[in-house]
Protein backbone atom coordinates (compact mmCIF):
# COMPACT_ATOMS: atom_id res chain seq x y z
CA UNK A 1 -55.80 -18.84 -45.07
CA UNK A 2 -56.97 -17.20 -41.83
CA UNK A 3 -56.76 -13.77 -43.45
CA UNK A 4 -59.43 -12.60 -41.03
CA UNK A 5 -57.10 -13.27 -38.10
CA UNK A 6 -54.33 -11.22 -39.73
CA UNK A 7 -56.74 -8.37 -40.47
CA UNK A 8 -57.98 -8.46 -36.87
CA UNK A 9 -54.48 -7.87 -35.55
CA UNK A 10 -53.82 -5.15 -38.13
CA UNK A 11 -57.01 -3.36 -37.12
CA UNK A 12 -56.01 -3.49 -33.47
CA UNK A 13 -52.81 -1.55 -34.17
CA UNK A 14 -54.94 1.59 -34.00
CA UNK A 15 -56.73 0.54 -30.81
CA UNK A 16 -55.99 1.37 -27.19
CA UNK A 17 -52.73 0.48 -25.50
CA UNK A 18 -53.37 -3.17 -24.65
CA UNK A 19 -54.73 -4.23 -28.04
CA UNK A 20 -52.15 -2.08 -29.82
CA UNK A 21 -49.14 -3.69 -28.15
CA UNK A 22 -50.54 -7.21 -28.38
CA UNK A 23 -51.13 -6.71 -32.10
CA UNK A 24 -47.67 -5.18 -32.53
CA UNK A 25 -46.01 -8.16 -30.82
CA UNK A 26 -47.90 -10.77 -32.84
CA UNK A 27 -47.52 -8.96 -36.15
CA UNK A 28 -43.75 -8.75 -35.59
CA UNK A 29 -43.68 -12.54 -35.36
CA UNK A 30 -45.90 -12.84 -38.43
CA UNK A 31 -43.58 -10.55 -40.40
CA UNK A 32 -40.50 -12.60 -39.51
CA UNK A 33 -42.15 -15.91 -40.43
CA UNK A 34 -43.43 -14.47 -43.72
CA UNK A 35 -39.88 -13.49 -44.71
CA UNK A 36 -38.49 -17.01 -44.23
CA UNK A 37 -38.43 -19.26 -47.29
CA UNK A 38 -39.58 -22.56 -45.79
CA UNK A 39 -39.60 -22.19 -42.03
CA UNK A 40 -40.00 -24.96 -39.50
CA UNK A 41 -41.99 -23.64 -36.54
CA UNK A 42 -42.72 -25.00 -33.09
CA UNK A 43 -45.47 -23.49 -30.94
CA UNK A 44 -45.68 -24.47 -27.26
CA UNK A 45 -49.12 -23.57 -25.94
CA UNK A 46 -52.24 -23.33 -28.15
CA UNK A 47 -55.43 -22.65 -26.14
CA UNK A 48 -57.97 -21.06 -28.53
CA UNK A 49 -55.54 -21.05 -31.46
CA UNK A 50 -55.18 -17.29 -32.06
CA UNK A 51 -51.42 -17.48 -32.56
CA UNK A 52 -51.77 -20.80 -34.42
CA UNK A 53 -54.02 -19.27 -37.05
CA UNK A 54 -51.79 -16.22 -37.43
CA UNK A 55 -48.71 -18.41 -37.91
CA UNK A 56 -50.50 -20.57 -40.49
CA UNK A 57 -51.43 -17.41 -42.36
CA UNK A 58 -47.74 -16.42 -42.40
CA UNK A 59 -46.86 -19.86 -43.81
CA UNK A 60 -49.39 -19.84 -46.64
CA UNK A 61 -46.92 -18.65 -49.31
CA UNK A 62 -44.26 -21.14 -48.24
CA UNK A 63 -43.82 -24.31 -50.30
CA UNK A 64 -42.73 -26.59 -47.48
CA UNK A 65 -43.12 -24.50 -44.31
CA UNK A 66 -44.55 -26.37 -41.33
CA UNK A 67 -45.99 -25.56 -37.91
CA UNK A 68 -46.01 -28.00 -35.01
CA UNK A 69 -48.23 -26.94 -32.10
CA UNK A 70 -48.16 -28.57 -28.66
CA UNK A 71 -50.59 -28.36 -25.76
CA UNK A 72 -51.45 -30.53 -22.75
CA UNK A 73 -55.14 -30.13 -23.70
CA UNK A 74 -56.73 -31.40 -26.90
CA UNK A 75 -56.57 -28.40 -29.23
CA UNK A 76 -56.64 -30.44 -32.43
CA UNK A 77 -59.75 -28.70 -33.77
CA UNK A 78 -58.74 -25.04 -33.35
CA UNK A 79 -57.22 -24.92 -36.84
CA UNK A 80 -56.93 -26.92 -40.04
CA UNK A 81 -54.09 -26.94 -42.55
CA UNK A 82 -51.85 -29.47 -44.35
CA UNK A 83 -48.94 -27.47 -42.94
CA UNK A 84 -50.09 -28.01 -39.34
CA UNK A 85 -49.39 -30.82 -36.91
CA UNK A 86 -50.91 -30.83 -33.44
CA UNK A 87 -49.33 -32.88 -30.65
CA UNK A 88 -51.09 -33.39 -27.35
CA UNK A 89 -48.25 -33.46 -24.86
CA UNK A 90 -46.54 -31.76 -21.98
CA UNK A 91 -44.70 -28.96 -23.82
CA UNK A 92 -41.59 -29.58 -21.70
CA UNK A 93 -41.37 -33.24 -22.83
CA UNK A 94 -38.79 -32.68 -25.55
CA UNK A 95 -38.26 -36.35 -26.38
CA UNK A 96 -41.97 -37.08 -26.82
CA UNK A 97 -42.47 -34.08 -29.10
CA UNK A 98 -39.43 -34.93 -31.23
CA UNK A 99 -40.64 -38.52 -31.54
CA UNK A 100 -44.01 -37.33 -32.86
CA UNK A 101 -42.46 -34.69 -35.16
CA UNK A 102 -38.98 -36.05 -36.04
CA UNK A 103 -38.41 -33.41 -38.73
CA UNK A 104 -37.88 -30.91 -35.91
CA UNK A 105 -34.54 -32.66 -35.30
CA UNK A 106 -33.35 -31.22 -38.65
CA UNK A 107 -33.66 -27.69 -37.30
CA UNK A 108 -36.23 -25.24 -35.96
CA UNK A 109 -36.42 -21.71 -37.37
CA UNK A 110 -38.92 -20.19 -34.94
CA UNK A 111 -39.96 -21.36 -31.46
CA UNK A 112 -42.89 -19.64 -29.73
CA UNK A 113 -43.33 -20.30 -25.99
CA UNK A 114 -46.70 -19.48 -24.45
CA UNK A 115 -47.42 -22.43 -22.17
CA UNK A 116 -47.20 -22.94 -18.41
CA UNK A 117 -45.69 -19.79 -16.90
CA UNK A 118 -43.30 -21.10 -14.28
CA UNK A 119 -39.52 -20.83 -14.27
CA UNK A 120 -39.07 -24.59 -14.00
CA UNK A 121 -41.29 -25.26 -17.02
CA UNK A 122 -39.79 -22.51 -19.15
CA UNK A 123 -36.30 -23.75 -18.23
CA UNK A 124 -37.12 -27.22 -19.59
CA UNK A 125 -38.57 -25.77 -22.81
CA UNK A 126 -35.69 -23.40 -23.59
CA UNK A 127 -32.89 -25.79 -22.63
CA UNK A 128 -34.63 -28.75 -24.24
CA UNK A 129 -35.23 -27.18 -27.65
CA UNK A 130 -32.40 -24.64 -27.97
CA UNK A 131 -29.94 -27.21 -29.42
CA UNK A 132 -32.44 -27.96 -32.24
CA UNK A 133 -32.78 -24.28 -33.13
CA UNK A 134 -30.91 -23.42 -36.31
CA UNK A 135 -28.19 -20.80 -36.23
CA UNK A 136 -30.08 -17.56 -36.73
CA UNK A 137 -33.26 -19.14 -35.36
CA UNK A 138 -35.49 -17.20 -32.99
CA UNK A 139 -37.26 -17.96 -29.72
CA UNK A 140 -40.26 -15.77 -28.86
CA UNK A 141 -41.70 -15.81 -25.35
CA UNK A 142 -45.02 -14.27 -24.36
CA UNK A 143 -45.92 -13.04 -20.86
CA UNK A 144 -42.62 -11.68 -19.59
CA UNK A 145 -44.05 -8.41 -18.25
CA UNK A 146 -45.59 -8.37 -14.77
CA UNK A 147 -47.01 -4.83 -14.97
CA UNK A 148 -50.53 -5.74 -16.25
CA UNK A 149 -50.94 -8.11 -13.30
CA UNK A 150 -49.81 -5.65 -10.61
CA UNK A 151 -52.16 -4.69 -7.77
CA UNK A 152 -55.03 -2.55 -9.02
CA UNK A 153 -54.31 -3.18 -12.71
CA UNK A 154 -56.81 -4.68 -15.14
CA UNK A 155 -55.57 -8.28 -14.79
CA UNK A 156 -54.63 -7.99 -11.10
CA UNK A 157 -53.10 -11.34 -10.09
CA UNK A 158 -50.48 -11.87 -7.41
CA UNK A 159 -49.57 -15.29 -8.78
CA UNK A 160 -49.08 -14.23 -12.42
CA UNK A 161 -47.33 -10.99 -11.44
CA UNK A 162 -44.83 -12.94 -9.33
CA UNK A 163 -44.25 -15.69 -11.90
CA UNK A 164 -43.76 -13.25 -14.80
CA UNK A 165 -41.22 -11.28 -12.77
CA UNK A 166 -39.33 -14.46 -11.95
CA UNK A 167 -39.41 -15.63 -15.57
CA UNK A 168 -38.01 -12.31 -16.81
CA UNK A 169 -35.23 -12.53 -14.23
CA UNK A 170 -34.55 -16.11 -15.37
CA UNK A 171 -34.30 -15.04 -19.02
CA UNK A 172 -31.86 -12.28 -18.07
CA UNK A 173 -29.75 -14.85 -16.21
CA UNK A 174 -29.78 -17.16 -19.25
CA UNK A 175 -28.61 -14.27 -21.40
CA UNK A 176 -25.82 -13.29 -19.00
CA UNK A 177 -24.45 -16.84 -19.16
CA UNK A 178 -24.79 -17.15 -22.94
CA UNK A 179 -23.85 -13.84 -24.55
CA UNK A 180 -21.69 -15.73 -27.02
CA UNK A 181 -24.67 -17.88 -28.03
CA UNK A 182 -27.66 -15.55 -28.27
CA UNK A 183 -29.02 -12.02 -28.42
CA UNK A 184 -31.89 -10.86 -26.22
CA UNK A 185 -34.45 -8.13 -26.67
CA UNK A 186 -37.49 -7.38 -24.50
CA UNK A 187 -40.56 -5.64 -25.92
CA UNK A 188 -42.82 -3.96 -23.38
CA UNK A 189 -46.54 -3.34 -23.52
CA UNK A 190 -49.46 -5.75 -22.98
CA UNK A 191 -47.88 -8.79 -21.29
CA UNK A 192 -44.53 -8.33 -22.98
CA UNK A 193 -42.61 -10.31 -25.58
CA UNK A 194 -39.05 -11.59 -25.29
CA UNK A 195 -36.98 -12.42 -28.36
CA UNK A 196 -33.85 -14.56 -28.24
CA UNK A 197 -31.84 -14.86 -31.48
CA UNK A 198 -29.50 -17.83 -31.68
CA UNK A 199 -25.96 -16.86 -32.66
CA UNK A 200 -24.30 -20.23 -32.14
CA UNK A 201 -24.29 -23.30 -34.36
CA UNK A 202 -26.97 -25.96 -34.66
CA UNK A 203 -26.99 -28.40 -31.72
CA UNK A 204 -25.11 -25.96 -29.46
CA UNK A 205 -26.06 -26.38 -25.80
CA UNK A 206 -26.80 -23.47 -23.46
CA UNK A 207 -24.71 -22.76 -20.39
CA UNK A 208 -26.58 -22.85 -17.11
CA UNK A 209 -28.14 -19.50 -16.06
CA UNK A 210 -25.80 -17.06 -14.38
CA UNK A 211 -27.29 -15.76 -11.14
CA UNK A 212 -26.83 -12.05 -10.64
CA UNK A 213 -26.04 -10.63 -7.20
CA UNK A 214 -28.59 -7.95 -6.49
CA UNK A 215 -27.62 -5.32 -3.93
CA UNK A 216 -30.25 -4.97 -1.21
CA UNK A 217 -28.57 -2.42 1.05
CA UNK A 218 -26.40 0.60 0.24
CA UNK A 219 -24.96 0.47 3.75
CA UNK A 220 -23.95 -3.19 3.39
CA UNK A 221 -22.43 -2.49 -0.03
CA UNK A 222 -20.30 0.33 1.40
CA UNK A 223 -19.17 -1.91 4.27
CA UNK A 224 -18.15 -4.71 1.90
CA UNK A 225 -16.30 -2.28 -0.34
CA UNK A 226 -14.42 -0.89 2.67
CA UNK A 227 -13.48 -4.37 3.87
CA UNK A 228 -12.27 -5.37 0.42
CA UNK A 229 -10.04 -2.31 0.20
CA UNK A 230 -8.55 -3.30 3.55
CA UNK A 231 -8.28 -6.89 2.22
CA UNK A 232 -10.27 -8.26 5.13
CA UNK A 233 -12.58 -10.15 2.76
């Protein structure tokens, strides 16, 4: 099933930088899904169905593996498989999605987030679905690298560059507040791929993100350090 899509990504491994890294990111997800016995997958964001088809290919040798895909647009015709359920919904509406696919409440093995790229939306997706992720489950997030959208680059976009930078900072803050609950790795190249591995038990909630104080001025830092030593602040 969708072997052509798998072969397309494999062929792109030997292409130029952009296609190479995109293929590498997607094939890493395919490899993980293929190794799972009967995975339950949730995909937030469908568009043309490239990732959908690749995930269905990874599920083809699984007896009971399932993929639920969600998009605000009607993407119900981009793929076809008895293992696939499409839900037209806001991907941040956790309750609506769980009502339409109640088996997700029993545990999600892999969650792929590639929907609306704003911190507020991603916050709702991660915090809404993290409790339903099984221990050892994985969250993948596309578009966490702002470099391809920087000024003068191929996909030059001030909006996307800014949002991706803010999303990456948000993910780092989530990690800092939840080191006892998850592992984080960031893969660069193309538009980036973040991977969060759940270490905590099923139905564990995430702590709120921990904001990091970023130093803006060396002179101000030295002044504060001096005042602290003198116990003025």
